[in-house]
PDB file of N, CA and C in Angstrom:
ATOM      1  N   UNK A   1      -6.365 -23.376 -54.557  1.00  0.00           N
ATOM      2  CA  UNK A   1      -6.168 -24.274 -53.429  1.00  0.00           C
ATOM      3  C   UNK A   1      -4.698 -24.630 -53.358  1.00  0.00           C
ATOM      4  N   UNK A   2      -4.120 -24.533 -52.193  1.00  0.00           N
ATOM      5  CA  UNK A   2      -2.708 -24.837 -52.046  1.00  0.00           C
ATOM      6  C   UNK A   2      -2.428 -26.293 -51.757  1.00  0.00           C
ATOM      7  N   UNK A   3      -2.934 -26.786 -50.644  1.00  0.00           N
ATOM      8  CA  UNK A   3      -2.602 -28.131 -50.195  1.00  0.00           C
ATOM      9  C   UNK A   3      -3.824 -28.740 -49.523  1.00  0.00           C
ATOM     10  N   UNK A   4      -3.910 -30.058 -49.589  1.00  0.00           N
ATOM     11  CA  UNK A   4      -4.972 -30.748 -48.856  1.00  0.00           C
ATOM     12  C   UNK A   4      -4.651 -30.780 -47.364  1.00  0.00           C
ATOM     13  N   UNK A   5      -3.377 -30.628 -47.023  1.00  0.00           N
ATOM     14  CA  UNK A   5      -3.014 -30.513 -45.620  1.00  0.00           C
ATOM     15  C   UNK A   5      -2.563 -31.782 -44.942  1.00  0.00           C
ATOM     16  N   UNK A   6      -2.028 -32.716 -45.725  1.00  0.00           N
ATOM     17  CA  UNK A   6      -1.468 -33.915 -45.110  1.00  0.00           C
ATOM     18  C   UNK A   6      -0.251 -34.359 -45.898  1.00  0.00           C
ATOM     19  N   UNK A   7       0.639 -35.064 -45.222  1.00  0.00           N
ATOM     20  CA  UNK A   7       1.791 -35.643 -45.907  1.00  0.00           C
ATOM     21  C   UNK A   7       1.683 -37.158 -45.823  1.00  0.00           C
ATOM     22  N   UNK A   8       2.332 -37.821 -46.791  1.00  0.00           N
ATOM     23  CA  UNK A   8       2.254 -39.276 -46.857  1.00  0.00           C
ATOM     24  C   UNK A   8       3.647 -39.892 -46.880  1.00  0.00           C
ATOM     25  N   UNK A   9       3.704 -41.133 -46.480  1.00  0.00           N
ATOM     26  CA  UNK A   9       4.919 -41.944 -46.601  1.00  0.00           C
ATOM     27  C   UNK A   9       4.506 -43.275 -47.212  1.00  0.00           C
ATOM     28  N   UNK A  10       5.473 -43.934 -47.845  1.00  0.00           N
ATOM     29  CA  UNK A  10       5.225 -45.260 -48.397  1.00  0.00           C
ATOM     30  C   UNK A  10       5.209 -45.270 -49.907  1.00  0.00           C
ATOM     31  N   UNK A  11       4.858 -46.426 -50.462  1.00  0.00           N
ATOM     32  CA  UNK A  11       4.777 -46.615 -51.902  1.00  0.00           C
ATOM     33  C   UNK A  11       5.876 -47.508 -52.427  1.00  0.00           C
ATOM     34  N   UNK A  12       5.799 -47.789 -53.704  1.00  0.00           N
ATOM     35  CA  UNK A  12       6.797 -48.623 -54.369  1.00  0.00           C
ATOM     36  C   UNK A  12       8.035 -47.775 -54.590  1.00  0.00           C
ATOM     37  N   UNK A  13       9.153 -48.193 -54.054  1.00  0.00           N
ATOM     38  CA  UNK A  13      10.376 -47.396 -54.114  1.00  0.00           C
ATOM     39  C   UNK A  13      11.420 -48.032 -55.018  1.00  0.00           C
ATOM     40  N   UNK A  14      12.482 -47.298 -55.274  1.00  0.00           N
ATOM     41  CA  UNK A  14      13.545 -47.746 -56.169  1.00  0.00           C
ATOM     42  C   UNK A  14      14.176 -49.060 -55.736  1.00  0.00           C
ATOM     43  N   UNK A  15      14.217 -49.327 -54.446  1.00  0.00           N
ATOM     44  CA  UNK A  15      14.814 -50.576 -53.976  1.00  0.00           C
ATOM     45  C   UNK A  15      13.819 -51.734 -54.050  1.00  0.00           C
ATOM     46  N   UNK A  16      12.719 -51.507 -54.755  1.00  0.00           N
ATOM     47  CA  UNK A  16      11.707 -52.521 -55.055  1.00  0.00           C
ATOM     48  C   UNK A  16      10.956 -53.034 -53.835  1.00  0.00           C
ATOM     49  N   UNK A  17      10.861 -52.214 -52.821  1.00  0.00           N
ATOM     50  CA  UNK A  17      10.000 -52.575 -51.704  1.00  0.00           C
ATOM     51  C   UNK A  17       8.660 -51.889 -51.903  1.00  0.00           C
ATOM     52  N   UNK A  18       7.604 -52.621 -51.732  1.00  0.00           N
ATOM     53  CA  UNK A  18       6.270 -52.068 -51.909  1.00  0.00           C
ATOM     54  C   UNK A  18       5.616 -51.904 -50.545  1.00  0.00           C
ATOM     55  N   UNK A  19       5.598 -50.687 -50.061  1.00  0.00           N
ATOM     56  CA  UNK A  19       5.010 -50.372 -48.768  1.00  0.00           C
ATOM     57  C   UNK A  19       3.671 -49.672 -48.988  1.00  0.00           C
ATOM     58  N   UNK A  20       2.695 -49.926 -48.128  1.00  0.00           N
ATOM     59  CA  UNK A  20       1.442 -49.171 -48.229  1.00  0.00           C
ATOM     60  C   UNK A  20       1.701 -47.686 -47.973  1.00  0.00           C
ATOM     61  N   UNK A  21       0.784 -46.851 -48.432  1.00  0.00           N
ATOM     62  CA  UNK A  21       0.857 -45.417 -48.141  1.00  0.00           C
ATOM     63  C   UNK A  21       0.164 -45.149 -46.813  1.00  0.00           C
ATOM     64  N   UNK A  22       0.786 -44.301 -46.014  1.00  0.00           N
ATOM     65  CA  UNK A  22       0.214 -43.913 -44.733  1.00  0.00           C
ATOM     66  C   UNK A  22       0.186 -42.396 -44.622  1.00  0.00           C
ATOM     67  N   UNK A  23      -0.800 -41.882 -43.880  1.00  0.00           N
ATOM     68  CA  UNK A  23      -0.834 -40.465 -43.536  1.00  0.00           C
ATOM     69  C   UNK A  23       0.240 -40.242 -42.481  1.00  0.00           C
ATOM     70  N   UNK A  24       1.197 -39.382 -42.800  1.00  0.00           N
ATOM     71  CA  UNK A  24       2.293 -39.100 -41.862  1.00  0.00           C
ATOM     72  C   UNK A  24       1.932 -37.943 -40.931  1.00  0.00           C
ATOM     73  N   UNK A  25       1.479 -36.841 -41.515  1.00  0.00           N
ATOM     74  CA  UNK A  25       1.128 -35.665 -40.713  1.00  0.00           C
ATOM     75  C   UNK A  25      -0.123 -35.007 -41.279  1.00  0.00           C
ATOM     76  N   UNK A  26      -0.825 -34.295 -40.420  1.00  0.00           N
ATOM     77  CA  UNK A  26      -1.954 -33.461 -40.820  1.00  0.00           C
ATOM     78  C   UNK A  26      -1.656 -32.061 -40.307  1.00  0.00           C
ATOM     79  N   UNK A  27      -1.755 -31.094 -41.200  1.00  0.00           N
ATOM     80  CA  UNK A  27      -1.368 -29.716 -40.888  1.00  0.00           C
ATOM     81  C   UNK A  27      -2.565 -28.929 -40.347  1.00  0.00           C
ATOM     82  N   UNK A  28      -2.342 -28.261 -39.243  1.00  0.00           N
ATOM     83  CA  UNK A  28      -3.350 -27.423 -38.604  1.00  0.00           C
ATOM     84  C   UNK A  28      -3.886 -26.381 -39.589  1.00  0.00           C
ATOM     85  N   UNK A  29      -5.206 -26.195 -39.617  1.00  0.00           N
ATOM     86  CA  UNK A  29      -5.821 -25.146 -40.417  1.00  0.00           C
ATOM     87  C   UNK A  29      -6.020 -25.477 -41.887  1.00  0.00           C
ATOM     88  N   UNK A  30      -5.879 -26.730 -42.280  1.00  0.00           N
ATOM     89  CA  UNK A  30      -6.015 -27.135 -43.688  1.00  0.00           C
ATOM     90  C   UNK A  30      -7.312 -27.925 -43.888  1.00  0.00           C
ATOM     91  N   UNK A  31      -7.683 -28.189 -45.157  1.00  0.00           N
ATOM     92  CA  UNK A  31      -8.898 -28.980 -45.399  1.00  0.00           C
ATOM     93  C   UNK A  31      -8.916 -30.323 -44.665  1.00  0.00           C
ATOM     94  N   UNK A  32      -7.804 -31.038 -44.652  1.00  0.00           N
ATOM     95  CA  UNK A  32      -7.764 -32.336 -43.956  1.00  0.00           C
ATOM     96  C   UNK A  32      -7.991 -32.157 -42.455  1.00  0.00           C
ATOM     97  N   UNK A  33      -7.444 -31.111 -41.905  1.00  0.00           N
ATOM     98  CA  UNK A  33      -7.602 -30.833 -40.477  1.00  0.00           C
ATOM     99  C   UNK A  33      -9.065 -30.516 -40.151  1.00  0.00           C
ATOM    100  N   UNK A  34      -9.681 -29.616 -40.923  1.00  0.00           N
ATOM    101  CA  UNK A  34     -11.058 -29.215 -40.648  1.00  0.00           C
ATOM    102  C   UNK A  34     -12.056 -30.332 -40.927  1.00  0.00           C
ATOM    103  N   UNK A  35     -11.765 -31.179 -41.915  1.00  0.00           N
ATOM    104  CA  UNK A  35     -12.656 -32.305 -42.201  1.00  0.00           C
ATOM    105  C   UNK A  35     -12.695 -33.273 -41.023  1.00  0.00           C
ATOM    106  N   UNK A  36     -11.539 -33.534 -40.433  1.00  0.00           N
ATOM    107  CA  UNK A  36     -11.471 -34.307 -39.206  1.00  0.00           C
ATOM    108  C   UNK A  36     -11.514 -35.819 -39.322  1.00  0.00           C
ATOM    109  N   UNK A  37     -11.674 -36.351 -40.526  1.00  0.00           N
ATOM    110  CA  UNK A  37     -11.771 -37.813 -40.642  1.00  0.00           C
ATOM    111  C   UNK A  37     -10.426 -38.505 -40.760  1.00  0.00           C
ATOM    112  N   UNK A  38      -9.441 -37.862 -41.380  1.00  0.00           N
ATOM    113  CA  UNK A  38      -8.119 -38.484 -41.509  1.00  0.00           C
ATOM    114  C   UNK A  38      -7.377 -38.419 -40.187  1.00  0.00           C
ATOM    115  N   UNK A  39      -6.605 -39.463 -39.948  1.00  0.00           N
ATOM    116  CA  UNK A  39      -5.774 -39.509 -38.743  1.00  0.00           C
ATOM    117  C   UNK A  39      -4.366 -39.940 -39.136  1.00  0.00           C
ATOM    118  N   UNK A  40      -3.386 -39.459 -38.420  1.00  0.00           N
ATOM    119  CA  UNK A  40      -2.017 -39.916 -38.646  1.00  0.00           C
ATOM    120  C   UNK A  40      -1.987 -41.430 -38.461  1.00  0.00           C
ATOM    121  N   UNK A  41      -1.350 -42.110 -39.397  1.00  0.00           N
ATOM    122  CA  UNK A  41      -1.284 -43.562 -39.353  1.00  0.00           C
ATOM    123  C   UNK A  41      -2.318 -44.254 -40.215  1.00  0.00           C
ATOM    124  N   UNK A  42      -3.316 -43.519 -40.726  1.00  0.00           N
ATOM    125  CA  UNK A  42      -4.293 -44.125 -41.634  1.00  0.00           C
ATOM    126  C   UNK A  42      -3.589 -44.620 -42.890  1.00  0.00           C
ATOM    127  N   UNK A  43      -4.020 -45.777 -43.392  1.00  0.00           N
ATOM    128  CA  UNK A  43      -3.441 -46.344 -44.607  1.00  0.00           C
ATOM    129  C   UNK A  43      -4.336 -45.983 -45.793  1.00  0.00           C
ATOM    130  N   UNK A  44      -3.749 -45.368 -46.823  1.00  0.00           N
ATOM    131  CA  UNK A  44      -4.487 -44.995 -48.030  1.00  0.00           C
ATOM    132  C   UNK A  44      -4.505 -46.201 -48.967  1.00  0.00           C
ATOM    133  N   UNK A  45      -5.708 -46.696 -49.287  1.00  0.00           N
ATOM    134  CA  UNK A  45      -5.819 -47.852 -50.176  1.00  0.00           C
ATOM    135  C   UNK A  45      -6.291 -47.470 -51.576  1.00  0.00           C
ATOM    136  N   UNK A  46      -6.912 -46.285 -51.727  1.00  0.00           N
ATOM    137  CA  UNK A  46      -7.349 -45.833 -53.048  1.00  0.00           C
ATOM    138  C   UNK A  46      -7.519 -44.319 -53.043  1.00  0.00           C
ATOM    139  N   UNK A  47      -7.321 -43.725 -54.216  1.00  0.00           N
ATOM    140  CA  UNK A  47      -7.549 -42.296 -54.422  1.00  0.00           C
ATOM    141  C   UNK A  47      -8.493 -42.164 -55.605  1.00  0.00           C
ATOM    142  N   UNK A  48      -9.645 -41.547 -55.375  1.00  0.00           N
ATOM    143  CA  UNK A  48     -10.679 -41.415 -56.401  1.00  0.00           C
ATOM    144  C   UNK A  48     -10.984 -42.757 -57.066  1.00  0.00           C
ATOM    145  N   UNK A  49     -11.019 -43.815 -56.267  1.00  0.00           N
ATOM    146  CA  UNK A  49     -11.353 -45.147 -56.753  1.00  0.00           C
ATOM    147  C   UNK A  49     -10.210 -45.925 -57.368  1.00  0.00           C
ATOM    148  N   UNK A  50      -9.042 -45.315 -57.506  1.00  0.00           N
ATOM    149  CA  UNK A  50      -7.873 -45.971 -58.089  1.00  0.00           C
ATOM    150  C   UNK A  50      -7.003 -46.546 -56.973  1.00  0.00           C
ATOM    151  N   UNK A  51      -6.786 -47.855 -57.019  1.00  0.00           N
ATOM    152  CA  UNK A  51      -5.990 -48.523 -55.992  1.00  0.00           C
ATOM    153  C   UNK A  51      -4.573 -47.965 -55.952  1.00  0.00           C
ATOM    154  N   UNK A  52      -4.030 -47.850 -54.761  1.00  0.00           N
ATOM    155  CA  UNK A  52      -2.655 -47.375 -54.596  1.00  0.00           C
ATOM    156  C   UNK A  52      -1.657 -48.528 -54.503  1.00  0.00           C
ATOM    157  N   UNK A  53      -2.131 -49.768 -54.578  1.00  0.00           N
ATOM    158  CA  UNK A  53      -1.242 -50.936 -54.491  1.00  0.00           C
ATOM    159  C   UNK A  53      -0.254 -50.912 -55.655  1.00  0.00           C
ATOM    160  N   UNK A  54       1.027 -51.004 -55.350  1.00  0.00           N
ATOM    161  CA  UNK A  54       2.071 -51.006 -56.369  1.00  0.00           C
ATOM    162  C   UNK A  54       2.414 -49.637 -56.931  1.00  0.00           C
ATOM    163  N   UNK A  55       1.752 -48.595 -56.454  1.00  0.00           N
ATOM    164  CA  UNK A  55       1.994 -47.239 -56.949  1.00  0.00           C
ATOM    165  C   UNK A  55       3.228 -46.649 -56.271  1.00  0.00           C
ATOM    166  N   UNK A  56       3.990 -45.879 -57.016  1.00  0.00           N
ATOM    167  CA  UNK A  56       5.166 -45.230 -56.437  1.00  0.00           C
ATOM    168  C   UNK A  56       4.756 -43.943 -55.724  1.00  0.00           C
ATOM    169  N   UNK A  57       5.581 -43.549 -54.789  1.00  0.00           N
ATOM    170  CA  UNK A  57       5.380 -42.286 -54.077  1.00  0.00           C
ATOM    171  C   UNK A  57       5.386 -41.134 -55.083  1.00  0.00           C
ATOM    172  N   UNK A  58       6.300 -41.211 -56.049  1.00  0.00           N
ATOM    173  CA  UNK A  58       6.425 -40.130 -57.038  1.00  0.00           C
ATOM    174  C   UNK A  58       5.248 -40.086 -58.010  1.00  0.00           C
ATOM    175  N   UNK A  59       4.416 -41.122 -58.059  1.00  0.00           N
ATOM    176  CA  UNK A  59       3.205 -41.093 -58.882  1.00  0.00           C
ATOM    177  C   UNK A  59       2.007 -40.584 -58.082  1.00  0.00           C
ATOM    178  N   UNK A  60       1.939 -40.950 -56.812  1.00  0.00           N
ATOM    179  CA  UNK A  60       0.782 -40.570 -56.001  1.00  0.00           C
ATOM    180  C   UNK A  60       0.772 -39.085 -55.649  1.00  0.00           C
ATOM    181  N   UNK A  61       1.902 -38.535 -55.300  1.00  0.00           N
ATOM    182  CA  UNK A  61       1.941 -37.129 -54.874  1.00  0.00           C
ATOM    183  C   UNK A  61       1.410 -36.189 -55.962  1.00  0.00           C
ATOM    184  N   UNK A  62       1.886 -36.282 -57.221  1.00  0.00           N
ATOM    185  CA  UNK A  62       1.331 -35.397 -58.251  1.00  0.00           C
ATOM    186  C   UNK A  62      -0.159 -35.647 -58.500  1.00  0.00           C
ATOM    187  N   UNK A  63      -0.590 -36.903 -58.384  1.00  0.00           N
ATOM    188  CA  UNK A  63      -2.000 -37.215 -58.581  1.00  0.00           C
ATOM    189  C   UNK A  63      -2.855 -36.494 -57.542  1.00  0.00           C
ATOM    190  N   UNK A  64      -2.398 -36.452 -56.308  1.00  0.00           N
ATOM    191  CA  UNK A  64      -3.127 -35.726 -55.270  1.00  0.00           C
ATOM    192  C   UNK A  64      -3.102 -34.223 -55.527  1.00  0.00           C
ATOM    193  N   UNK A  65      -1.968 -33.711 -55.958  1.00  0.00           N
ATOM    194  CA  UNK A  65      -1.837 -32.269 -56.190  1.00  0.00           C
ATOM    195  C   UNK A  65      -2.667 -31.795 -57.374  1.00  0.00           C
ATOM    196  N   UNK A  66      -2.943 -32.676 -58.342  1.00  0.00           N
ATOM    197  CA  UNK A  66      -3.746 -32.308 -59.515  1.00  0.00           C
ATOM    198  C   UNK A  66      -5.210 -32.089 -59.164  1.00  0.00           C
ATOM    199  N   UNK A  67      -5.674 -32.678 -58.089  1.00  0.00           N
ATOM    200  CA  UNK A  67      -7.072 -32.552 -57.687  1.00  0.00           C
ATOM    201  C   UNK A  67      -7.296 -31.147 -57.136  1.00  0.00           C
ATOM    202  N   UNK A  68      -8.178 -30.410 -57.765  1.00  0.00           N
ATOM    203  CA  UNK A  68      -8.366 -29.005 -57.389  1.00  0.00           C
ATOM    204  C   UNK A  68      -9.417 -28.795 -56.296  1.00  0.00           C
ATOM    205  N   UNK A  69     -10.609 -29.362 -56.476  1.00  0.00           N
ATOM    206  CA  UNK A  69     -11.677 -29.031 -55.538  1.00  0.00           C
ATOM    207  C   UNK A  69     -12.154 -30.204 -54.697  1.00  0.00           C
ATOM    208  N   UNK A  70     -11.840 -31.437 -55.123  1.00  0.00           N
ATOM    209  CA  UNK A  70     -12.315 -32.593 -54.365  1.00  0.00           C
ATOM    210  C   UNK A  70     -11.410 -33.788 -54.614  1.00  0.00           C
ATOM    211  N   UNK A  71     -11.130 -34.520 -53.556  1.00  0.00           N
ATOM    212  CA  UNK A  71     -10.399 -35.781 -53.663  1.00  0.00           C
ATOM    213  C   UNK A  71     -11.091 -36.770 -52.726  1.00  0.00           C
ATOM    214  N   UNK A  72     -11.248 -38.005 -53.199  1.00  0.00           N
ATOM    215  CA  UNK A  72     -11.864 -39.045 -52.385  1.00  0.00           C
ATOM    216  C   UNK A  72     -10.809 -40.080 -52.030  1.00  0.00           C
ATOM    217  N   UNK A  73     -10.525 -40.202 -50.752  1.00  0.00           N
ATOM    218  CA  UNK A  73      -9.552 -41.176 -50.270  1.00  0.00           C
ATOM    219  C   UNK A  73     -10.283 -42.333 -49.614  1.00  0.00           C
ATOM    220  N   UNK A  74      -9.882 -43.542 -49.953  1.00  0.00           N
ATOM    221  CA  UNK A  74     -10.332 -44.725 -49.217  1.00  0.00           C
ATOM    222  C   UNK A  74      -9.183 -45.101 -48.301  1.00  0.00           C
ATOM    223  N   UNK A  75      -9.459 -45.121 -47.014  1.00  0.00           N
ATOM    224  CA  UNK A  75      -8.394 -45.381 -46.048  1.00  0.00           C
ATOM    225  C   UNK A  75      -8.828 -46.454 -45.062  1.00  0.00           C
ATOM    226  N   UNK A  76      -7.843 -47.104 -44.488  1.00  0.00           N
ATOM    227  CA  UNK A  76      -8.091 -47.984 -43.353  1.00  0.00           C
ATOM    228  C   UNK A  76      -7.554 -47.254 -42.136  1.00  0.00           C
ATOM    229  N   UNK A  77      -8.474 -46.971 -41.233  1.00  0.00           N
ATOM    230  CA  UNK A  77      -8.134 -46.237 -40.022  1.00  0.00           C
ATOM    231  C   UNK A  77      -8.092 -47.233 -38.879  1.00  0.00           C
ATOM    232  N   UNK A  78      -6.970 -47.347 -38.241  1.00  0.00           N
ATOM    233  CA  UNK A  78      -6.802 -48.371 -37.214  1.00  0.00           C
ATOM    234  C   UNK A  78      -7.657 -48.061 -36.007  1.00  0.00           C
ATOM    235  N   UNK A  79      -8.244 -49.086 -35.412  1.00  0.00           N
ATOM    236  CA  UNK A  79      -7.879 -50.498 -35.509  1.00  0.00           C
ATOM    237  C   UNK A  79      -8.570 -51.275 -36.624  1.00  0.00           C
ATOM    238  N   UNK A  80      -8.451 -50.833 -37.850  1.00  0.00           N
ATOM    239  CA  UNK A  80      -8.860 -51.640 -38.991  1.00  0.00           C
ATOM    240  C   UNK A  80     -10.225 -51.322 -39.560  1.00  0.00           C
ATOM    241  N   UNK A  81     -10.775 -50.156 -39.285  1.00  0.00           N
ATOM    242  CA  UNK A  81     -12.082 -49.817 -39.827  1.00  0.00           C
ATOM    243  C   UNK A  81     -11.922 -49.045 -41.126  1.00  0.00           C
ATOM    244  N   UNK A  82     -12.675 -49.442 -42.163  1.00  0.00           N
ATOM    245  CA  UNK A  82     -12.630 -48.742 -43.445  1.00  0.00           C
ATOM    246  C   UNK A  82     -13.409 -47.447 -43.313  1.00  0.00           C
ATOM    247  N   UNK A  83     -12.776 -46.322 -43.681  1.00  0.00           N
ATOM    248  CA  UNK A  83     -13.406 -45.005 -43.562  1.00  0.00           C
ATOM    249  C   UNK A  83     -13.746 -44.505 -44.946  1.00  0.00           C
TER     250      UNK A  83
END
């Protein structure tokens, strides 16, 4: 498996700002695209049950890439519905 097919922005950064993680883009023809539930702008609140609050971008990206066959994202999809 190459990619889940989405990019993210946000997280705890070096300048000590803690921003939520958001889905930035979804790539055509990828698992995220075919699944159809993720939308650009969705806020990721947990990955496989682990809260993303206070997590750095550099910690979340490898965690997502390590998942080979399944990843469970808890997201808030606007206008504020938990998906």
